Amino acid sequence: MKLGNNLNFKEDFKMGPHYMNELIKHINKLNEETRKSGAVGFLTNDPDHWASYGVYTIGDFQLYLEREHERNMYKNNF
């Protein structure tokens, strides 16, 4: 895995054997907190699902959630 070329960082990162372990652990932790609170909606921890959205890291995931929130807030105003 070459990380020196930032243009290929996502592709290089994605190709590693444990490219999404930290993301999946993070999602599992969020789901566990949700379960403990008694809520019923959970986030998928399928790495292929998140990769299809270009989400490979916790930072990507947080940005995705923020953008989805903004999009839904915008939709609710119309």
PDB file of N, CA and C in Angstrom:
ATOM      1  N   MET A   1       0.848  -1.165   0.000  1.00  0.00           N
ATOM      2  CA  MET A   1       0.000   0.000   0.000  1.00  0.00           C
ATOM      3  C   MET A   1       0.893   1.227   0.000  1.00  0.00           C
ATOM      4  N   LYS A   2       0.762   2.074  -1.035  1.00  0.00           N
ATOM      5  CA  LYS A   2       1.518   3.306  -1.120  1.00  0.00           C
ATOM      6  C   LYS A   2       0.632   4.443  -0.639  1.00  0.00           C
ATOM      7  N   LEU A   3       1.097   5.150   0.376  1.00  0.00           N
ATOM      8  CA  LEU A   3       0.317   6.267   0.872  1.00  0.00           C
ATOM      9  C   LEU A   3       0.949   7.599   0.504  1.00  0.00           C
ATOM     10  N   GLY A   4       2.027   7.586  -0.250  1.00  0.00           N
ATOM     11  CA  GLY A   4       2.727   8.812  -0.588  1.00  0.00           C
ATOM     12  C   GLY A   4       1.976   9.679  -1.575  1.00  0.00           C
ATOM     13  N   ASN A   5       1.165   9.116  -2.420  1.00  0.00           N
ATOM     14  CA  ASN A   5       0.441   9.864  -3.435  1.00  0.00           C
ATOM     15  C   ASN A   5      -0.973  10.130  -2.948  1.00  0.00           C
ATOM     16  N   ASN A   6      -1.241  11.364  -2.533  1.00  0.00           N
ATOM     17  CA  ASN A   6      -2.558  11.699  -1.976  1.00  0.00           C
ATOM     18  C   ASN A   6      -3.684  11.499  -2.974  1.00  0.00           C
ATOM     19  N   LEU A   7      -3.383  11.549  -4.260  1.00  0.00           N
ATOM     20  CA  LEU A   7      -4.432  11.368  -5.250  1.00  0.00           C
ATOM     21  C   LEU A   7      -5.035   9.973  -5.189  1.00  0.00           C
ATOM     22  N   ASN A   8      -4.256   8.996  -4.753  1.00  0.00           N
ATOM     23  CA  ASN A   8      -4.730   7.613  -4.678  1.00  0.00           C
ATOM     24  C   ASN A   8      -4.968   7.158  -3.248  1.00  0.00           C
ATOM     25  N   PHE A   9      -4.985   8.090  -2.303  1.00  0.00           N
ATOM     26  CA  PHE A   9      -5.083   7.687  -0.907  1.00  0.00           C
ATOM     27  C   PHE A   9      -6.304   6.830  -0.632  1.00  0.00           C
ATOM     28  N   LYS A  10      -7.474   7.269  -1.075  1.00  0.00           N
ATOM     29  CA  LYS A  10      -8.696   6.494  -0.800  1.00  0.00           C
ATOM     30  C   LYS A  10      -8.601   5.102  -1.394  1.00  0.00           C
ATOM     31  N   GLU A  11      -8.147   5.011  -2.640  1.00  0.00           N
ATOM     32  CA  GLU A  11      -8.060   3.710  -3.302  1.00  0.00           C
ATOM     33  C   GLU A  11      -7.040   2.822  -2.602  1.00  0.00           C
ATOM     34  N   ASP A  12      -5.897   3.393  -2.249  1.00  0.00           N
ATOM     35  CA  ASP A  12      -4.875   2.618  -1.546  1.00  0.00           C
ATOM     36  C   ASP A  12      -5.379   2.171  -0.186  1.00  0.00           C
ATOM     37  N   PHE A  13      -6.047   3.077   0.530  1.00  0.00           N
ATOM     38  CA  PHE A  13      -6.555   2.761   1.857  1.00  0.00           C
ATOM     39  C   PHE A  13      -7.611   1.666   1.757  1.00  0.00           C
ATOM     40  N   LYS A  14      -8.476   1.788   0.775  1.00  0.00           N
ATOM     41  CA  LYS A  14      -9.568   0.833   0.593  1.00  0.00           C
ATOM     42  C   LYS A  14      -9.039  -0.570   0.332  1.00  0.00           C
ATOM     43  N   MET A  15      -7.913  -0.670  -0.327  1.00  0.00           N
ATOM     44  CA  MET A  15      -7.404  -1.975  -0.729  1.00  0.00           C
ATOM     45  C   MET A  15      -6.702  -2.731   0.392  1.00  0.00           C
ATOM     46  N   GLY A  16      -6.420  -2.081   1.520  1.00  0.00           N
ATOM     47  CA  GLY A  16      -5.760  -2.758   2.628  1.00  0.00           C
ATOM     48  C   GLY A  16      -6.645  -3.833   3.225  1.00  0.00           C
ATOM     49  N   PRO A  17      -6.054  -4.840   3.874  1.00  0.00           N
ATOM     50  CA  PRO A  17      -6.843  -5.965   4.397  1.00  0.00           C
ATOM     51  C   PRO A  17      -7.823  -5.567   5.499  1.00  0.00           C
ATOM     52  N   HIS A  18      -7.518  -4.516   6.219  1.00  0.00           N
ATOM     53  CA  HIS A  18      -8.411  -4.089   7.312  1.00  0.00           C
ATOM     54  C   HIS A  18      -8.786  -2.626   7.111  1.00  0.00           C
ATOM     55  N   TYR A  19      -9.096  -2.288   5.867  1.00  0.00           N
ATOM     56  CA  TYR A  19      -9.263  -0.885   5.513  1.00  0.00           C
ATOM     57  C   TYR A  19     -10.368  -0.177   6.260  1.00  0.00           C
ATOM     58  N   MET A  20     -11.335  -0.918   6.780  1.00  0.00           N
ATOM     59  CA  MET A  20     -12.447  -0.244   7.439  1.00  0.00           C
ATOM     60  C   MET A  20     -12.663  -0.704   8.873  1.00  0.00           C
ATOM     61  N   ASN A  21     -11.688  -1.384   9.449  1.00  0.00           N
ATOM     62  CA  ASN A  21     -11.877  -1.889  10.816  1.00  0.00           C
ATOM     63  C   ASN A  21     -12.277  -0.794  11.792  1.00  0.00           C
ATOM     64  N   GLU A  22     -11.587   0.335  11.732  1.00  0.00           N
ATOM     65  CA  GLU A  22     -11.887   1.405  12.682  1.00  0.00           C
ATOM     66  C   GLU A  22     -13.282   1.967  12.445  1.00  0.00           C
ATOM     67  N   LEU A  23     -13.665   2.116  11.199  1.00  0.00           N
ATOM     68  CA  LEU A  23     -15.009   2.604  10.891  1.00  0.00           C
ATOM     69  C   LEU A  23     -16.066   1.639  11.409  1.00  0.00           C
ATOM     70  N   ILE A  24     -15.883   0.363  11.155  1.00  0.00           N
ATOM     71  CA  ILE A  24     -16.872  -0.635  11.587  1.00  0.00           C
ATOM     72  C   ILE A  24     -16.946  -0.694  13.110  1.00  0.00           C
ATOM     73  N   LYS A  25     -15.807  -0.610  13.787  1.00  0.00           N
ATOM     74  CA  LYS A  25     -15.814  -0.568  15.252  1.00  0.00           C
ATOM     75  C   LYS A  25     -16.585   0.649  15.751  1.00  0.00           C
ATOM     76  N   HIS A  26     -16.383   1.772  15.092  1.00  0.00           N
ATOM     77  CA  HIS A  26     -17.072   3.007  15.467  1.00  0.00           C
ATOM     78  C   HIS A  26     -18.585   2.850  15.292  1.00  0.00           C
ATOM     79  N   ILE A  27     -18.998   2.318  14.162  1.00  0.00           N
ATOM     80  CA  ILE A  27     -20.433   2.106  13.908  1.00  0.00           C
ATOM     81  C   ILE A  27     -21.018   1.117  14.907  1.00  0.00           C
ATOM     82  N   ASN A  28     -20.304   0.050  15.188  1.00  0.00           N
ATOM     83  CA  ASN A  28     -20.779  -0.926  16.178  1.00  0.00           C
ATOM     84  C   ASN A  28     -20.954  -0.281  17.549  1.00  0.00           C
ATOM     85  N   LYS A  29     -20.028   0.611  17.902  1.00  0.00           N
ATOM     86  CA  LYS A  29     -20.136   1.308  19.192  1.00  0.00           C
ATOM     87  C   LYS A  29     -21.371   2.205  19.204  1.00  0.00           C
ATOM     88  N   LEU A  30     -21.595   2.937  18.113  1.00  0.00           N
ATOM     89  CA  LEU A  30     -22.786   3.781  18.027  1.00  0.00           C
ATOM     90  C   LEU A  30     -24.057   2.944  18.120  1.00  0.00           C
ATOM     91  N   ASN A  31     -24.075   1.807  17.435  1.00  0.00           N
ATOM     92  CA  ASN A  31     -25.246   0.927  17.481  1.00  0.00           C
ATOM     93  C   ASN A  31     -25.469   0.366  18.877  1.00  0.00           C
ATOM     94  N   GLU A  32     -24.404   0.060  19.585  1.00  0.00           N
ATOM     95  CA  GLU A  32     -24.539  -0.453  20.946  1.00  0.00           C
ATOM     96  C   GLU A  32     -25.124   0.623  21.863  1.00  0.00           C
ATOM     97  N   GLU A  33     -24.647   1.856  21.698  1.00  0.00           N
ATOM     98  CA  GLU A  33     -25.207   2.965  22.488  1.00  0.00           C
ATOM     99  C   GLU A  33     -26.681   3.159  22.162  1.00  0.00           C
ATOM    100  N   THR A  34     -27.027   3.026  20.899  1.00  0.00           N
ATOM    101  CA  THR A  34     -28.419   3.145  20.476  1.00  0.00           C
ATOM    102  C   THR A  34     -29.260   2.036  21.094  1.00  0.00           C
ATOM    103  N   ARG A  35     -28.735   0.813  21.050  1.00  0.00           N
ATOM    104  CA  ARG A  35     -29.446  -0.343  21.622  1.00  0.00           C
ATOM    105  C   ARG A  35     -29.696  -0.131  23.116  1.00  0.00           C
ATOM    106  N   LYS A  36     -28.670   0.343  23.826  1.00  0.00           N
ATOM    107  CA  LYS A  36     -28.797   0.561  25.273  1.00  0.00           C
ATOM    108  C   LYS A  36     -29.820   1.636  25.595  1.00  0.00           C
ATOM    109  N   SER A  37     -29.975   2.602  24.698  1.00  0.00           N
ATOM    110  CA  SER A  37     -30.938   3.679  24.946  1.00  0.00           C
ATOM    111  C   SER A  37     -32.376   3.246  24.666  1.00  0.00           C
ATOM    112  N   GLY A  38     -32.531   2.079  24.049  1.00  0.00           N
ATOM    113  CA  GLY A  38     -33.858   1.576  23.753  1.00  0.00           C
ATOM    114  C   GLY A  38     -34.373   1.965  22.381  1.00  0.00           C
ATOM    115  N   ALA A  39     -33.570   2.683  21.633  1.00  0.00           N
ATOM    116  CA  ALA A  39     -33.985   3.076  20.280  1.00  0.00           C
ATOM    117  C   ALA A  39     -33.949   1.854  19.359  1.00  0.00           C
ATOM    118  N   VAL A  40     -34.600   1.965  18.218  1.00  0.00           N
ATOM    119  CA  VAL A  40     -34.699   0.812  17.326  1.00  0.00           C
ATOM    120  C   VAL A  40     -34.000   0.993  15.985  1.00  0.00           C
ATOM    121  N   GLY A  41     -33.534   2.186  15.648  1.00  0.00           N
ATOM    122  CA  GLY A  41     -32.865   2.408  14.363  1.00  0.00           C
ATOM    123  C   GLY A  41     -31.362   2.217  14.477  1.00  0.00           C
ATOM    124  N   PHE A  42     -30.803   1.406  13.601  1.00  0.00           N
ATOM    125  CA  PHE A  42     -29.380   1.127  13.651  1.00  0.00           C
ATOM    126  C   PHE A  42     -28.732   1.413  12.306  1.00  0.00           C
ATOM    127  N   LEU A  43     -27.455   1.717  12.352  1.00  0.00           N
ATOM    128  CA  LEU A  43     -26.663   1.948  11.151  1.00  0.00           C
ATOM    129  C   LEU A  43     -26.088   0.627  10.670  1.00  0.00           C
ATOM    130  N   THR A  44     -26.058   0.427   9.366  1.00  0.00           N
ATOM    131  CA  THR A  44     -25.452  -0.794   8.854  1.00  0.00           C
ATOM    132  C   THR A  44     -23.951  -0.769   9.097  1.00  0.00           C
ATOM    133  N   ASN A  45     -23.391  -1.910   9.413  1.00  0.00           N
ATOM    134  CA  ASN A  45     -21.943  -2.019   9.565  1.00  0.00           C
ATOM    135  C   ASN A  45     -21.326  -2.822   8.415  1.00  0.00           C
ATOM    136  N   ASP A  46     -22.003  -2.825   7.295  1.00  0.00           N
ATOM    137  CA  ASP A  46     -21.524  -3.512   6.095  1.00  0.00           C
ATOM    138  C   ASP A  46     -20.515  -2.610   5.373  1.00  0.00           C
ATOM    139  N   PRO A  47     -19.243  -3.005   5.333  1.00  0.00           N
ATOM    140  CA  PRO A  47     -18.234  -2.155   4.698  1.00  0.00           C
ATOM    141  C   PRO A  47     -18.514  -1.888   3.223  1.00  0.00           C
ATOM    142  N   ASP A  48     -19.108  -2.836   2.528  1.00  0.00           N
ATOM    143  CA  ASP A  48     -19.416  -2.626   1.113  1.00  0.00           C
ATOM    144  C   ASP A  48     -20.470  -1.523   0.935  1.00  0.00           C
ATOM    145  N   HIS A  49     -21.413  -1.470   1.844  1.00  0.00           N
ATOM    146  CA  HIS A  49     -22.422  -0.409   1.788  1.00  0.00           C
ATOM    147  C   HIS A  49     -21.742   0.952   1.885  1.00  0.00           C
ATOM    148  N   TRP A  50     -20.882   1.122   2.884  1.00  0.00           N
ATOM    149  CA  TRP A  50     -20.235   2.416   3.090  1.00  0.00           C
ATOM    150  C   TRP A  50     -19.260   2.734   1.967  1.00  0.00           C
ATOM    151  N   ALA A  51     -18.582   1.739   1.459  1.00  0.00           N
ATOM    152  CA  ALA A  51     -17.664   1.975   0.339  1.00  0.00           C
ATOM    153  C   ALA A  51     -18.425   2.471  -0.882  1.00  0.00           C
ATOM    154  N   SER A  52     -19.643   1.992  -1.082  1.00  0.00           N
ATOM    155  CA  SER A  52     -20.436   2.433  -2.231  1.00  0.00           C
ATOM    156  C   SER A  52     -20.786   3.916  -2.136  1.00  0.00           C
ATOM    157  N   TYR A  53     -20.711   4.492  -0.942  1.00  0.00           N
ATOM    158  CA  TYR A  53     -20.933   5.920  -0.734  1.00  0.00           C
ATOM    159  C   TYR A  53     -19.619   6.691  -0.639  1.00  0.00           C
ATOM    160  N   GLY A  54     -18.502   6.006  -0.823  1.00  0.00           N
ATOM    161  CA  GLY A  54     -17.205   6.667  -0.718  1.00  0.00           C
ATOM    162  C   GLY A  54     -16.776   6.910   0.715  1.00  0.00           C
ATOM    163  N   VAL A  55     -17.331   6.142   1.635  1.00  0.00           N
ATOM    164  CA  VAL A  55     -17.037   6.296   3.063  1.00  0.00           C
ATOM    165  C   VAL A  55     -16.108   5.165   3.485  1.00  0.00           C
ATOM    166  N   TYR A  56     -14.878   5.548   3.886  1.00  0.00           N
ATOM    167  CA  TYR A  56     -13.871   4.561   4.260  1.00  0.00           C
ATOM    168  C   TYR A  56     -13.313   4.784   5.659  1.00  0.00           C
ATOM    169  N   THR A  57     -13.449   5.994   6.184  1.00  0.00           N
ATOM    170  CA  THR A  57     -12.873   6.337   7.486  1.00  0.00           C
ATOM    171  C   THR A  57     -13.959   6.911   8.388  1.00  0.00           C
ATOM    172  N   ILE A  58     -13.633   7.046   9.659  1.00  0.00           N
ATOM    173  CA  ILE A  58     -14.573   7.669  10.591  1.00  0.00           C
ATOM    174  C   ILE A  58     -14.837   9.112  10.175  1.00  0.00           C
ATOM    175  N   GLY A  59     -13.817   9.798   9.701  1.00  0.00           N
ATOM    176  CA  GLY A  59     -14.001  11.166   9.220  1.00  0.00           C
ATOM    177  C   GLY A  59     -14.953  11.231   8.044  1.00  0.00           C
ATOM    178  N   ASP A  60     -14.791  10.307   7.080  1.00  0.00           N
ATOM    179  CA  ASP A  60     -15.723  10.232   5.950  1.00  0.00           C
ATOM    180  C   ASP A  60     -17.142   9.994   6.439  1.00  0.00           C
ATOM    181  N   PHE A  61     -17.280   9.117   7.409  1.00  0.00           N
ATOM    182  CA  PHE A  61     -18.575   8.747   7.961  1.00  0.00           C
ATOM    183  C   PHE A  61     -19.247   9.955   8.618  1.00  0.00           C
ATOM    184  N   GLN A  62     -18.489  10.689   9.438  1.00  0.00           N
ATOM    185  CA  GLN A  62     -19.031  11.864  10.107  1.00  0.00           C
ATOM    186  C   GLN A  62     -19.466  12.909   9.083  1.00  0.00           C
ATOM    187  N   LEU A  63     -18.652  13.113   8.055  1.00  0.00           N
ATOM    188  CA  LEU A  63     -18.997  14.070   7.012  1.00  0.00           C
ATOM    189  C   LEU A  63     -20.265  13.630   6.272  1.00  0.00           C
ATOM    190  N   TYR A  64     -20.369  12.338   5.988  1.00  0.00           N
ATOM    191  CA  TYR A  64     -21.568  11.805   5.338  1.00  0.00           C
ATOM    192  C   TYR A  64     -22.811  12.088   6.188  1.00  0.00           C
ATOM    193  N   LEU A  65     -22.721  11.813   7.494  1.00  0.00           N
ATOM    194  CA  LEU A  65     -23.870  12.033   8.378  1.00  0.00           C
ATOM    195  C   LEU A  65     -24.238  13.518   8.433  1.00  0.00           C
ATOM    196  N   GLU A  66     -23.238  14.380   8.494  1.00  0.00           N
ATOM    197  CA  GLU A  66     -23.506  15.812   8.534  1.00  0.00           C
ATOM    198  C   GLU A  66     -24.195  16.277   7.252  1.00  0.00           C
ATOM    199  N   ARG A  67     -23.706  15.804   6.119  1.00  0.00           N
ATOM    200  CA  ARG A  67     -24.313  16.194   4.841  1.00  0.00           C
ATOM    201  C   ARG A  67     -25.739  15.662   4.714  1.00  0.00           C
ATOM    202  N   GLU A  68     -25.973  14.451   5.172  1.00  0.00           N
ATOM    203  CA  GLU A  68     -27.328  13.893   5.142  1.00  0.00           C
ATOM    204  C   GLU A  68     -28.263  14.698   6.042  1.00  0.00           C
ATOM    205  N   HIS A  69     -27.768  15.081   7.199  1.00  0.00           N
ATOM    206  CA  HIS A  69     -28.569  15.901   8.109  1.00  0.00           C
ATOM    207  C   HIS A  69     -28.933  17.233   7.440  1.00  0.00           C
ATOM    208  N   GLU A  70     -27.933  17.896   6.845  1.00  0.00           N
ATOM    209  CA  GLU A  70     -28.189  19.167   6.165  1.00  0.00           C
ATOM    210  C   GLU A  70     -29.186  18.988   5.024  1.00  0.00           C
ATOM    211  N   ARG A  71     -29.023  17.916   4.251  1.00  0.00           N
ATOM    212  CA  ARG A  71     -29.930  17.662   3.134  1.00  0.00           C
ATOM    213  C   ARG A  71     -31.356  17.462   3.632  1.00  0.00           C
ATOM    214  N   ASN A  72     -31.513  16.709   4.705  1.00  0.00           N
ATOM    215  CA  ASN A  72     -32.850  16.469   5.253  1.00  0.00           C
ATOM    216  C   ASN A  72     -33.457  17.724   5.871  1.00  0.00           C
ATOM    217  N   MET A  73     -32.632  18.552   6.494  1.00  0.00           N
ATOM    218  CA  MET A  73     -33.130  19.811   7.040  1.00  0.00           C
ATOM    219  C   MET A  73     -33.596  20.723   5.908  1.00  0.00           C
ATOM    220  N   TYR A  74     -32.860  20.748   4.812  1.00  0.00           N
ATOM    221  CA  TYR A  74     -33.223  21.548   3.649  1.00  0.00           C
ATOM    222  C   TYR A  74     -34.542  21.058   3.062  1.00  0.00           C
ATOM    223  N   LYS A  75     -34.678  19.738   2.933  1.00  0.00           N
ATOM    224  CA  LYS A  75     -35.914  19.163   2.374  1.00  0.00           C
ATOM    225  C   LYS A  75     -37.117  19.512   3.246  1.00  0.00           C
ATOM    226  N   ASN A  76     -36.928  19.527   4.548  1.00  0.00           N
ATOM    227  CA  ASN A  76     -38.036  19.813   5.469  1.00  0.00           C
ATOM    228  C   ASN A  76     -38.516  21.256   5.384  1.00  0.00           C
ATOM    229  N   ASN A  77     -37.696  22.140   4.841  1.00  0.00           N
ATOM    230  CA  ASN A  77     -38.079  23.537   4.717  1.00  0.00           C
ATOM    231  C   ASN A  77     -38.905  23.814   3.470  1.00  0.00           C
ATOM    232  N   PHE A  78     -39.054  22.827   2.618  1.00  0.00           N
ATOM    233  CA  PHE A  78     -39.816  23.030   1.374  1.00  0.00           C
ATOM    234  C   PHE A  78     -40.985  22.109   1.265  1.00  0.00           C
TER     235      PHE A  78
END
